[in-house]
Amino acid sequence: MIHLATAVVAVRDPQDAASLERHLMADSYDCQHVVAPTDLIGVMKKFQPDVLVLDSAFCGGNPEKIVRTVRADPSFVHLSIFYLTSVPVAEQVDALLKSGIDDAVHWPTSPELILSHIRPMIRVSTMRAELLHRIHVLEHIGKRAVNASLFAPEDISVSAPSILLTGADDTREKILSAFPDAELFVAKDLATATRILEDRFLDAMVMAPSDTVQPWLDLCLQMRRNVRLFNLPVLFINRTPHPVDPQTPLSMGASRVIDGVPVIQDLRFSLHVLIRRQRMRWALRRSLGETLTTGSDADNNMPEVYSRNFLMQSLESRIREAAASSLRNRSHRFSFVTFAFAGLDAMRHDFGEKAEHDLLRQIGQWLTLLVRAEDMVARLTPVNFAVILADTPLDEADVVMQRIAGVIGNTEFAVEDVFRPVSVSPFVGASEVQSGDTVQSLMERARPVFDERSMS
């Protein structure tokens, strides 16, 4: 999905900074360039970025002091930090991992590679910001706040990672040299790899084809179409005699690409960053789940979705944040999507309110399972649901939600005490926060074309 986000570009050379900003802006990011280290914190407080892009020249070749200063400021707890280093990564792995950055790349390099590193960092920033937002809403409505860390890189252990390897045999020794305590599963062929992917919970997968790359790329693409495997990091190591354009594996779902025999330190850094990010996402997902447990509509026996009260307080807070940031950037914009369903009246008429409620509860479960952890599903009315997609533009939100509506519309539900499959017809409305919006105006624009009962 496309994320709206803001990047502060702390790159000393103006031409390099301008080039980087152009490519980031083409990928839906707002950018703000800062030249002097003394100005960095002030600029960041003004623009509240989701990612800080920092180069060696800006920080004198050592990012640790700047990173420590940024991490200590409560304003930036959701921030991801990306370091562009003039020294090859393999020559400073320990220092980079100690510094508190989220990721690094040897600079200069291609804009496409930069973007492939930044996108997953933006998602982690969004998840952190969402968790913080929901904790604040819980506190505002008088619910028990979740005692959760926002998980900076140094909070996440990468000990004893579970890794699946398929491909070149000598890669096994390199992985074990980089991670001696790894639980390493080795698949001799792609069929075995597929079975392991289905049966095991993994931190990362390493693909190291030595003859032809296409079957591995096909498997990678299949993984990205699988809900359970969608986020599994894949390190693609091309061991064939033929060079591969890194954009090819990246476009088919690889998380990172090494072309040729990997240097152990490169392998170690790449896997460390990927495993840490994967564990960080799971930790954030668990904490977001705790906010759902506390803020759900459990009073109405609907624990899988947030309550209407939580939704209203969340919308008010988001609209205030969007108004405050409108002069700076788009990073607090969000999309609001509503779902109504034809077929509920007939269910209630024929089988009673208990059957209708069971069907609605299943629909809420499906909506929660089909969206990302950082997307919020809530009860809008007794028979309607709403989804908030943080940092997502309206056109992207509309496409994704229509796909989800298609899944629900083609699902046959097994409803309690109803002895036949039950289906519903979803109708979707969507809106994006605009200048001057109130909760009511935002909701009004998101009314589905079909509205079984009033949303007011």
Protein backbone atom coordinates (compact mmCIF):
# COMPACT_ATOMS: atom_id res chain seq x y z
CA MET A 1 0.00 0.00 0.00
CA ILE A 2 0.98 3.61 -0.52
CA HIS A 3 1.84 5.52 2.65
CA LEU A 4 1.78 9.29 2.92
CA ALA A 5 4.82 10.21 4.97
CA THR A 6 7.27 12.97 5.74
CA ALA A 7 11.05 12.65 5.52
CA VAL A 8 13.64 15.02 6.91
CA VAL A 9 16.68 14.79 4.63
CA ALA A 10 19.85 15.54 6.60
CA VAL A 11 22.27 15.31 3.69
CA ARG A 12 25.12 17.81 3.54
CA ASP A 13 25.57 18.11 -0.24
CA PRO A 14 22.72 20.25 -1.71
CA GLN A 15 22.70 18.45 -5.07
CA ASP A 16 22.57 15.01 -3.45
CA ALA A 17 19.82 16.21 -1.14
CA ALA A 18 17.79 17.70 -4.01
CA SER A 19 18.08 14.50 -6.05
CA LEU A 20 17.02 12.37 -3.12
CA GLU A 21 14.09 14.65 -2.34
CA ARG A 22 12.84 14.46 -5.95
CA HIS A 23 12.71 10.68 -5.84
CA LEU A 24 11.08 10.60 -2.41
CA MET A 25 8.44 13.12 -3.46
CA ALA A 26 7.70 11.05 -6.56
CA ASP A 27 6.93 8.18 -4.17
CA SER A 28 4.33 10.21 -2.20
CA TYR A 29 6.62 11.55 0.54
CA ASP A 30 6.86 15.13 1.71
CA CYS A 31 10.47 16.22 2.29
CA GLN A 32 12.28 18.87 4.25
CA HIS A 33 16.02 19.44 3.80
CA VAL A 34 18.17 20.45 6.74
CA VAL A 35 21.79 21.54 6.22
CA ALA A 36 23.27 22.17 9.68
CA PRO A 37 23.24 19.69 12.58
CA THR A 38 22.36 22.55 14.94
CA ASP A 39 19.09 23.04 13.05
CA LEU A 40 18.09 19.37 12.97
CA ILE A 41 15.98 19.08 16.12
CA GLY A 42 14.14 22.35 15.46
CA VAL A 43 13.26 21.32 11.90
CA MET A 44 12.15 17.90 13.08
CA LYS A 45 9.92 19.34 15.79
CA LYS A 46 8.28 21.57 13.22
CA PHE A 47 7.72 18.95 10.54
CA GLN A 48 7.30 15.80 12.70
CA PRO A 49 8.83 13.39 10.16
CA ASP A 50 8.22 9.67 9.90
CA VAL A 51 11.78 8.98 8.77
CA LEU A 52 15.09 10.77 9.17
CA VAL A 53 17.52 10.23 6.28
CA LEU A 54 21.02 10.99 7.52
CA ASP A 55 24.31 10.90 5.60
CA SER A 56 27.91 10.54 6.73
CA ALA A 57 28.91 14.08 5.82
CA PHE A 58 26.10 15.54 7.93
CA CYS A 59 27.12 13.70 11.10
CA GLY A 60 30.88 13.59 10.60
CA GLY A 61 30.96 9.87 9.84
CA ASN A 62 29.46 8.81 13.17
CA PRO A 63 25.66 8.85 13.52
CA GLU A 64 25.55 7.63 17.13
CA LYS A 65 25.46 11.05 18.83
CA ILE A 66 22.69 12.41 16.59
CA VAL A 67 20.73 9.17 16.86
CA ARG A 68 21.01 9.20 20.65
CA THR A 69 19.79 12.83 20.79
CA VAL A 70 16.84 12.10 18.51
CA ARG A 71 15.85 8.90 20.30
CA ALA A 72 15.87 10.70 23.67
CA ASP A 73 13.23 13.21 22.53
CA PRO A 74 9.62 12.04 23.19
CA SER A 75 8.48 13.90 20.06
CA PHE A 76 10.23 11.34 17.87
CA VAL A 77 9.39 8.02 19.50
CA HIS A 78 7.76 6.73 16.30
CA LEU A 79 10.65 7.80 14.05
CA SER A 80 12.75 5.50 11.83
CA ILE A 81 16.34 6.49 11.04
CA PHE A 82 18.05 5.61 7.76
CA TYR A 83 21.79 6.14 7.45
CA LEU A 84 23.58 6.77 4.15
CA THR A 85 27.18 5.83 4.83
CA SER A 86 30.24 6.69 2.73
CA VAL A 87 32.05 3.65 4.17
CA PRO A 88 30.99 0.16 3.00
CA VAL A 89 28.53 -1.37 5.43
CA ALA A 90 30.60 -4.55 5.77
CA GLU A 91 33.46 -2.55 7.27
CA GLN A 92 31.41 -1.14 10.19
CA VAL A 93 28.66 -3.61 10.99
CA ASP A 94 29.15 -3.62 14.76
CA ALA A 95 29.26 0.17 14.96
CA LEU A 96 26.13 0.54 12.81
CA LEU A 97 24.13 -1.99 14.80
CA LYS A 98 25.20 -0.30 18.03
CA SER A 99 24.35 3.21 16.83
CA GLY A 100 20.54 2.85 17.04
CA ILE A 101 19.80 3.36 13.34
CA ASP A 102 17.09 1.28 11.71
CA ASP A 103 18.94 0.61 8.47
CA ALA A 104 21.91 1.75 6.39
CA VAL A 105 23.18 1.59 2.83
CA HIS A 106 26.48 2.41 1.18
CA TRP A 107 26.03 5.83 -0.43
CA PRO A 108 25.79 6.95 -3.18
CA THR A 109 23.51 4.34 -4.69
CA SER A 110 20.43 4.14 -6.89
CA PRO A 111 17.23 5.96 -5.86
CA GLU A 112 15.29 2.73 -6.34
CA LEU A 113 17.44 0.99 -3.75
CA ILE A 114 16.98 3.87 -1.33
CA LEU A 115 13.21 3.65 -1.71
CA SER A 116 13.21 -0.13 -1.23
CA HIS A 117 14.89 0.41 2.15
CA ILE A 118 12.71 3.35 3.23
CA ARG A 119 9.27 1.85 2.51
CA PRO A 120 9.36 -0.84 5.24
CA MET A 121 10.78 1.70 7.70
CA ILE A 122 7.82 3.99 7.00
CA ARG A 123 5.46 1.16 7.82
CA VAL A 124 7.14 0.58 11.19
CA SER A 125 6.91 4.32 11.89
CA THR A 126 3.20 4.23 11.08
CA MET A 127 2.67 1.25 13.38
CA ARG A 128 4.50 3.03 16.21
CA ALA A 129 2.49 6.23 15.66
CA GLU A 130 -0.76 4.23 15.57
CA LEU A 131 0.07 2.47 18.82
CA LEU A 132 0.84 5.80 20.49
CA HIS A 133 -2.40 7.29 19.17
CA ARG A 134 -4.53 4.40 20.47
CA ILE A 135 -2.88 4.51 23.89
CA HIS A 136 -3.75 8.21 24.12
CA VAL A 137 -7.37 7.53 23.08
CA LEU A 138 -7.68 4.83 25.73
CA GLU A 139 -6.42 7.27 28.36
CA HIS A 140 -8.84 9.94 27.14
CA ILE A 141 -11.90 7.70 27.44
CA GLY A 142 -10.82 6.48 30.86
CA LYS A 143 -9.78 2.98 29.89
CA ARG A 144 -6.73 1.20 31.25
CA ALA A 145 -3.77 2.30 29.14
CA VAL A 146 -1.64 -0.36 27.52
CA ASN A 147 1.79 -0.62 29.09
CA ALA A 148 3.67 -1.07 25.82
CA SER A 149 7.08 -0.13 24.52
CA LEU A 150 7.25 1.59 21.14
CA PHE A 151 10.21 -0.65 20.35
CA ALA A 152 13.28 1.24 19.26
CA PRO A 153 15.83 -0.93 17.40
CA GLU A 154 17.88 -1.51 20.54
CA ASP A 155 14.80 -2.94 22.29
CA ILE A 156 14.57 -5.88 19.89
CA SER A 157 16.70 -8.99 20.28
CA VAL A 158 17.72 -10.99 17.22
CA SER A 159 19.01 -13.95 19.21
CA ALA A 160 18.25 -17.50 17.99
CA PRO A 161 16.54 -16.43 14.76
CA SER A 162 14.51 -18.97 12.80
CA ILE A 163 15.73 -18.87 9.18
CA LEU A 164 14.79 -20.89 6.10
CA LEU A 165 17.48 -21.34 3.43
CA THR A 166 16.99 -22.69 -0.03
CA GLY A 167 19.64 -22.65 -2.75
CA ALA A 168 23.45 -22.70 -2.81
CA ASP A 169 24.89 -25.12 -0.21
CA ASP A 170 27.80 -22.95 0.94
CA THR A 171 25.38 -20.22 2.04
CA ARG A 172 24.51 -22.38 5.05
CA GLU A 173 27.99 -22.00 6.55
CA LYS A 174 27.93 -18.25 5.99
CA ILE A 175 24.58 -17.86 7.76
CA LEU A 176 25.73 -19.96 10.72
CA SER A 177 28.95 -17.97 10.86
CA ALA A 178 26.91 -14.74 11.03
CA PHE A 179 24.31 -16.22 13.43
CA PRO A 180 25.80 -19.18 15.32
CA ASP A 181 22.63 -19.62 17.41
CA ALA A 182 20.26 -19.61 14.42
CA GLU A 183 17.63 -22.30 14.00
CA LEU A 184 18.36 -22.94 10.33
CA PHE A 185 16.04 -24.95 8.12
CA VAL A 186 17.60 -26.01 4.81
CA ALA A 187 15.34 -26.88 1.88
CA LYS A 188 16.98 -28.73 -0.99
CA ASP A 189 14.25 -27.74 -3.41
CA LEU A 190 11.39 -25.28 -3.67
CA ALA A 191 8.73 -27.89 -2.91
CA THR A 192 10.40 -28.59 0.44
CA ALA A 193 10.77 -24.86 1.04
CA THR A 194 7.05 -24.39 0.43
CA ARG A 195 6.17 -27.10 2.98
CA ILE A 196 8.44 -25.50 5.60
CA LEU A 197 6.88 -22.09 4.92
CA GLU A 198 3.46 -23.61 5.55
CA ASP A 199 4.46 -25.41 8.76
CA ARG A 200 6.93 -23.11 10.52
CA PHE A 201 6.96 -19.68 12.08
CA LEU A 202 10.06 -17.99 10.65
CA ASP A 203 11.98 -14.76 11.16
CA ALA A 204 13.43 -14.65 7.64
CA MET A 205 14.01 -16.61 4.46
CA VAL A 206 17.19 -16.68 2.38
CA MET A 207 16.91 -17.59 -1.30
CA ALA A 208 20.25 -18.36 -2.99
CA PRO A 209 19.58 -19.75 -6.48
CA SER A 210 22.67 -21.04 -8.26
CA ASP A 211 21.30 -22.02 -11.69
CA THR A 212 18.25 -19.94 -12.66
CA VAL A 213 16.45 -17.25 -10.68
CA GLN A 214 12.92 -17.44 -12.08
CA PRO A 215 11.50 -20.30 -9.96
CA TRP A 216 12.71 -18.55 -6.80
CA LEU A 217 11.22 -15.26 -7.95
CA ASP A 218 7.92 -17.03 -8.63
CA LEU A 219 7.91 -18.44 -5.09
CA CYS A 220 8.70 -14.99 -3.71
CA LEU A 221 5.72 -13.54 -5.58
CA GLN A 222 3.46 -16.32 -4.30
CA MET A 223 4.54 -15.51 -0.74
CA ARG A 224 3.51 -11.87 -1.17
CA ARG A 225 0.05 -13.07 -2.20
CA ASN A 226 -0.26 -15.22 0.91
CA VAL A 227 -1.79 -13.42 3.91
CA ARG A 228 0.32 -15.35 6.44
CA LEU A 229 3.61 -14.95 4.55
CA PHE A 230 3.10 -11.46 3.16
CA ASN A 231 5.49 -9.78 5.60
CA LEU A 232 8.14 -12.50 5.87
CA PRO A 233 11.52 -10.93 5.01
CA VAL A 234 13.27 -12.49 2.02
CA LEU A 235 16.99 -12.00 1.41
CA PHE A 236 17.63 -12.86 -2.24
CA ILE A 237 21.23 -13.85 -3.02
CA ASN A 238 21.93 -14.33 -6.71
CA ARG A 239 24.49 -17.14 -6.99
CA THR A 240 23.92 -17.76 -10.70
CA PRO A 241 26.63 -16.89 -13.24
CA HIS A 242 24.40 -14.13 -14.62
CA PRO A 243 24.08 -10.70 -12.97
CA VAL A 244 20.57 -9.71 -11.91
CA ASP A 245 19.15 -6.21 -11.84
CA PRO A 246 18.26 -5.77 -8.13
CA GLN A 247 14.98 -4.18 -9.10
CA THR A 248 13.76 -7.47 -10.58
CA PRO A 249 13.74 -9.47 -7.31
CA LEU A 250 12.62 -6.40 -5.37
CA SER A 251 9.65 -5.90 -7.69
CA MET A 252 8.63 -9.55 -7.14
CA GLY A 253 8.70 -9.36 -3.37
CA ALA A 254 12.31 -9.74 -2.21
CA SER A 255 13.17 -7.56 0.78
CA ARG A 256 16.86 -7.23 -0.02
CA VAL A 257 19.20 -8.37 -2.80
CA ILE A 258 22.85 -9.45 -2.80
CA ASP A 259 24.28 -10.12 -6.25
CA GLY A 260 27.08 -12.70 -6.11
CA VAL A 261 28.89 -14.51 -3.31
CA PRO A 262 27.97 -12.68 -0.09
CA VAL A 263 30.53 -11.26 2.28
CA ILE A 264 29.72 -12.61 5.73
CA GLN A 265 29.49 -9.13 7.25
CA ASP A 266 27.09 -7.96 4.52
CA LEU A 267 25.02 -11.07 5.11
CA ARG A 268 25.08 -10.47 8.86
CA PHE A 269 23.97 -6.84 8.60
CA SER A 270 21.22 -7.54 6.06
CA LEU A 271 19.75 -10.43 8.04
CA HIS A 272 20.09 -8.59 11.34
CA VAL A 273 18.10 -5.61 10.03
CA LEU A 274 15.44 -7.81 8.41
CA ILE A 275 15.00 -10.08 11.44
CA ARG A 276 14.93 -7.15 13.84
CA ARG A 277 12.29 -5.38 11.76
CA GLN A 278 10.18 -8.52 11.51
CA ARG A 279 10.27 -9.05 15.27
CA MET A 280 9.57 -5.36 15.80
CA ARG A 281 6.47 -5.58 13.61
CA TRP A 282 5.21 -8.57 15.55
CA ALA A 283 5.86 -6.83 18.87
CA LEU A 284 3.98 -3.74 17.68
CA ARG A 285 1.19 -5.92 16.34
CA ARG A 286 0.80 -7.59 19.74
CA SER A 287 0.67 -4.21 21.48
CA LEU A 288 -1.91 -2.93 18.99
CA GLY A 289 -3.90 -6.07 19.77
CA GLU A 290 -3.80 -5.17 23.45
CA THR A 291 -5.36 -1.80 22.70
CA LEU A 292 -8.16 -3.64 20.87
CA THR A 293 -8.73 -5.85 23.90
CA THR A 294 -9.17 -2.72 26.04
CA GLY A 295 -10.95 -0.50 23.51
CA SER A 296 -13.19 -3.05 21.81
CA ASP A 297 -16.97 -3.18 21.67
CA ALA A 298 -16.98 -6.04 24.18
CA ASP A 299 -19.97 -4.52 26.02
CA ASN A 300 -22.03 -5.41 22.95
CA ASN A 301 -20.33 -8.79 22.54
CA MET A 302 -18.21 -7.55 19.63
CA PRO A 303 -14.61 -7.89 20.95
CA GLU A 304 -13.01 -8.14 17.50
CA VAL A 305 -13.56 -4.46 16.63
CA TYR A 306 -13.19 -1.13 18.43
CA SER A 307 -16.24 0.48 19.99
CA ARG A 308 -18.10 3.45 18.53
CA ASN A 309 -16.95 5.56 21.49
CA PHE A 310 -13.33 4.71 20.74
CA LEU A 311 -13.90 5.47 17.05
CA MET A 312 -15.42 8.91 17.72
CA GLN A 313 -12.61 9.92 20.08
CA SER A 314 -10.05 8.64 17.60
CA LEU A 315 -11.56 10.62 14.73
CA GLU A 316 -11.67 13.82 16.79
CA SER A 317 -8.01 13.41 17.73
CA ARG A 318 -6.93 12.60 14.15
CA ILE A 319 -8.80 15.58 12.72
CA ARG A 320 -7.09 17.87 15.24
CA GLU A 321 -3.70 16.41 14.31
CA ALA A 322 -4.46 16.76 10.60
CA ALA A 323 -5.46 20.41 11.05
CA ALA A 324 -2.30 21.14 13.04
CA SER A 325 -0.09 19.54 10.41
CA SER A 326 -1.87 20.84 7.31
CA LEU A 327 0.51 23.76 6.91
CA ARG A 328 3.54 21.48 7.27
CA ASN A 329 2.93 18.22 5.47
CA ARG A 330 0.44 15.47 4.66
CA SER A 331 1.72 12.90 7.11
CA HIS A 332 -1.35 13.12 9.39
CA ARG A 333 -3.83 12.65 6.56
CA PHE A 334 -5.91 9.51 6.74
CA SER A 335 -8.75 7.78 4.92
CA PHE A 336 -12.07 6.84 6.50
CA VAL A 337 -14.01 3.92 5.02
CA THR A 338 -17.50 2.69 5.90
CA PHE A 339 -19.18 -0.66 5.20
CA ALA A 340 -22.90 -1.38 5.00
CA PHE A 341 -24.39 -4.79 4.12
CA ALA A 342 -27.49 -5.81 2.23
CA GLY A 343 -29.01 -9.02 3.58
CA LEU A 344 -28.99 -8.24 7.30
CA ASP A 345 -32.70 -7.34 7.43
CA ALA A 346 -33.60 -10.68 5.91
CA MET A 347 -31.34 -12.51 8.37
CA ARG A 348 -32.95 -10.75 11.33
CA HIS A 349 -36.47 -11.26 9.95
CA ASP A 350 -36.01 -14.96 9.23
CA PHE A 351 -33.75 -16.07 12.08
CA GLY A 352 -33.82 -13.39 14.77
CA GLU A 353 -31.44 -10.87 16.31
CA LYS A 354 -29.11 -13.53 17.70
CA ALA A 355 -28.35 -14.85 14.21
CA GLU A 356 -27.92 -11.32 12.88
CA HIS A 357 -25.46 -10.53 15.65
CA ASP A 358 -23.46 -13.70 14.99
CA LEU A 359 -23.22 -12.77 11.32
CA LEU A 360 -22.13 -9.21 12.17
CA ARG A 361 -19.51 -10.50 14.57
CA GLN A 362 -18.06 -12.73 11.85
CA ILE A 363 -17.99 -9.82 9.40
CA GLY A 364 -16.10 -7.76 12.00
CA GLN A 365 -13.63 -10.61 12.43
CA TRP A 366 -13.07 -10.80 8.68
CA LEU A 367 -12.53 -7.05 8.37
CA THR A 368 -9.98 -7.10 11.18
CA LEU A 369 -8.14 -10.05 9.63
CA LEU A 370 -8.11 -8.56 6.13
CA VAL A 371 -6.59 -5.18 7.02
CA ARG A 372 -3.13 -4.41 8.37
CA ALA A 373 -2.44 -4.24 12.09
CA GLU A 374 -2.14 -0.44 11.90
CA ASP A 375 -5.60 -0.08 10.28
CA MET A 376 -8.43 0.34 12.76
CA VAL A 377 -11.78 -1.48 12.40
CA ALA A 378 -14.62 -0.16 14.55
CA ARG A 379 -18.37 -0.46 15.10
CA LEU A 380 -20.00 2.57 13.52
CA THR A 381 -23.66 1.66 14.14
CA PRO A 382 -25.23 -1.60 15.28
CA VAL A 383 -25.05 -2.85 11.67
CA ASN A 384 -22.26 -0.79 10.05
CA PHE A 385 -18.49 -0.84 10.37
CA ALA A 386 -15.78 1.74 9.76
CA VAL A 387 -12.09 1.38 8.94
CA ILE A 388 -9.46 4.09 9.48
CA LEU A 389 -6.37 3.80 7.31
CA ALA A 390 -3.61 5.97 8.70
CA ASP A 391 -1.31 7.80 6.27
CA THR A 392 -3.13 6.31 3.28
CA PRO A 393 -4.45 8.40 0.35
CA LEU A 394 -8.09 8.08 -0.59
CA ASP A 395 -7.62 6.52 -4.03
CA GLU A 396 -5.41 3.78 -2.54
CA ALA A 397 -7.81 3.20 0.36
CA ASP A 398 -10.76 2.92 -2.00
CA VAL A 399 -9.06 0.26 -4.14
CA VAL A 400 -8.02 -1.82 -1.13
CA MET A 401 -11.39 -1.63 0.59
CA GLN A 402 -13.25 -2.57 -2.59
CA ARG A 403 -11.07 -5.67 -2.78
CA ILE A 404 -11.91 -6.49 0.83
CA ALA A 405 -15.60 -5.94 0.10
CA GLY A 406 -15.23 -8.40 -2.78
CA VAL A 407 -13.77 -11.03 -0.45
CA ILE A 408 -16.58 -10.61 2.08
CA GLY A 409 -19.23 -10.56 -0.65
CA ASN A 410 -17.95 -13.88 -1.98
CA THR A 411 -17.75 -15.54 1.43
CA GLU A 412 -20.41 -17.93 2.67
CA PHE A 413 -20.79 -17.57 6.43
CA ALA A 414 -21.84 -20.32 8.81
CA VAL A 415 -24.23 -18.58 11.20
CA GLU A 416 -25.34 -20.08 14.50
CA ASP A 417 -28.71 -21.87 14.23
CA VAL A 418 -28.97 -21.09 10.51
CA PHE A 419 -28.74 -24.32 8.56
CA ARG A 420 -27.65 -22.93 5.24
CA PRO A 421 -24.70 -20.82 4.04
CA VAL A 422 -25.28 -17.09 4.44
CA SER A 423 -23.90 -14.35 2.19
CA VAL A 424 -24.11 -10.57 2.27
CA SER A 425 -23.60 -7.78 -0.25
CA PRO A 426 -21.18 -5.12 1.02
CA PHE A 427 -21.41 -1.48 0.03
CA VAL A 428 -18.47 0.83 0.62
CA GLY A 429 -18.10 4.56 1.11
CA ALA A 430 -14.85 6.43 1.68
CA SER A 431 -13.57 9.90 2.43
CA GLU A 432 -10.28 11.59 3.19
CA VAL A 433 -9.75 14.20 5.89
CA GLN A 434 -9.87 17.72 4.48
CA SER A 435 -9.20 21.20 5.79
CA GLY A 436 -12.02 22.35 8.06
CA ASP A 437 -13.44 18.85 8.57
CA THR A 438 -15.45 17.79 11.58
CA VAL A 439 -16.22 14.21 12.54
CA GLN A 440 -19.73 14.57 11.12
CA SER A 441 -18.60 16.06 7.78
CA LEU A 442 -16.00 13.34 7.35
CA MET A 443 -18.56 10.63 8.08
CA GLU A 444 -21.16 12.22 5.83
CA ARG A 445 -18.87 12.06 2.78
CA ALA A 446 -18.12 8.39 3.55
CA ARG A 447 -21.72 7.19 3.47
CA PRO A 448 -22.09 4.08 1.29
CA VAL A 449 -24.36 4.43 -1.73
CA PHE A 450 -26.53 1.79 -0.13
CA ASP A 451 -27.30 2.51 3.53
CA GLU A 452 -29.38 -0.10 5.28
CA ARG A 453 -29.84 1.99 8.40
CA SER A 454 -28.89 5.52 9.29
CA MET A 455 -25.21 6.05 10.09
CA SER A 456 -25.93 9.02 12.30
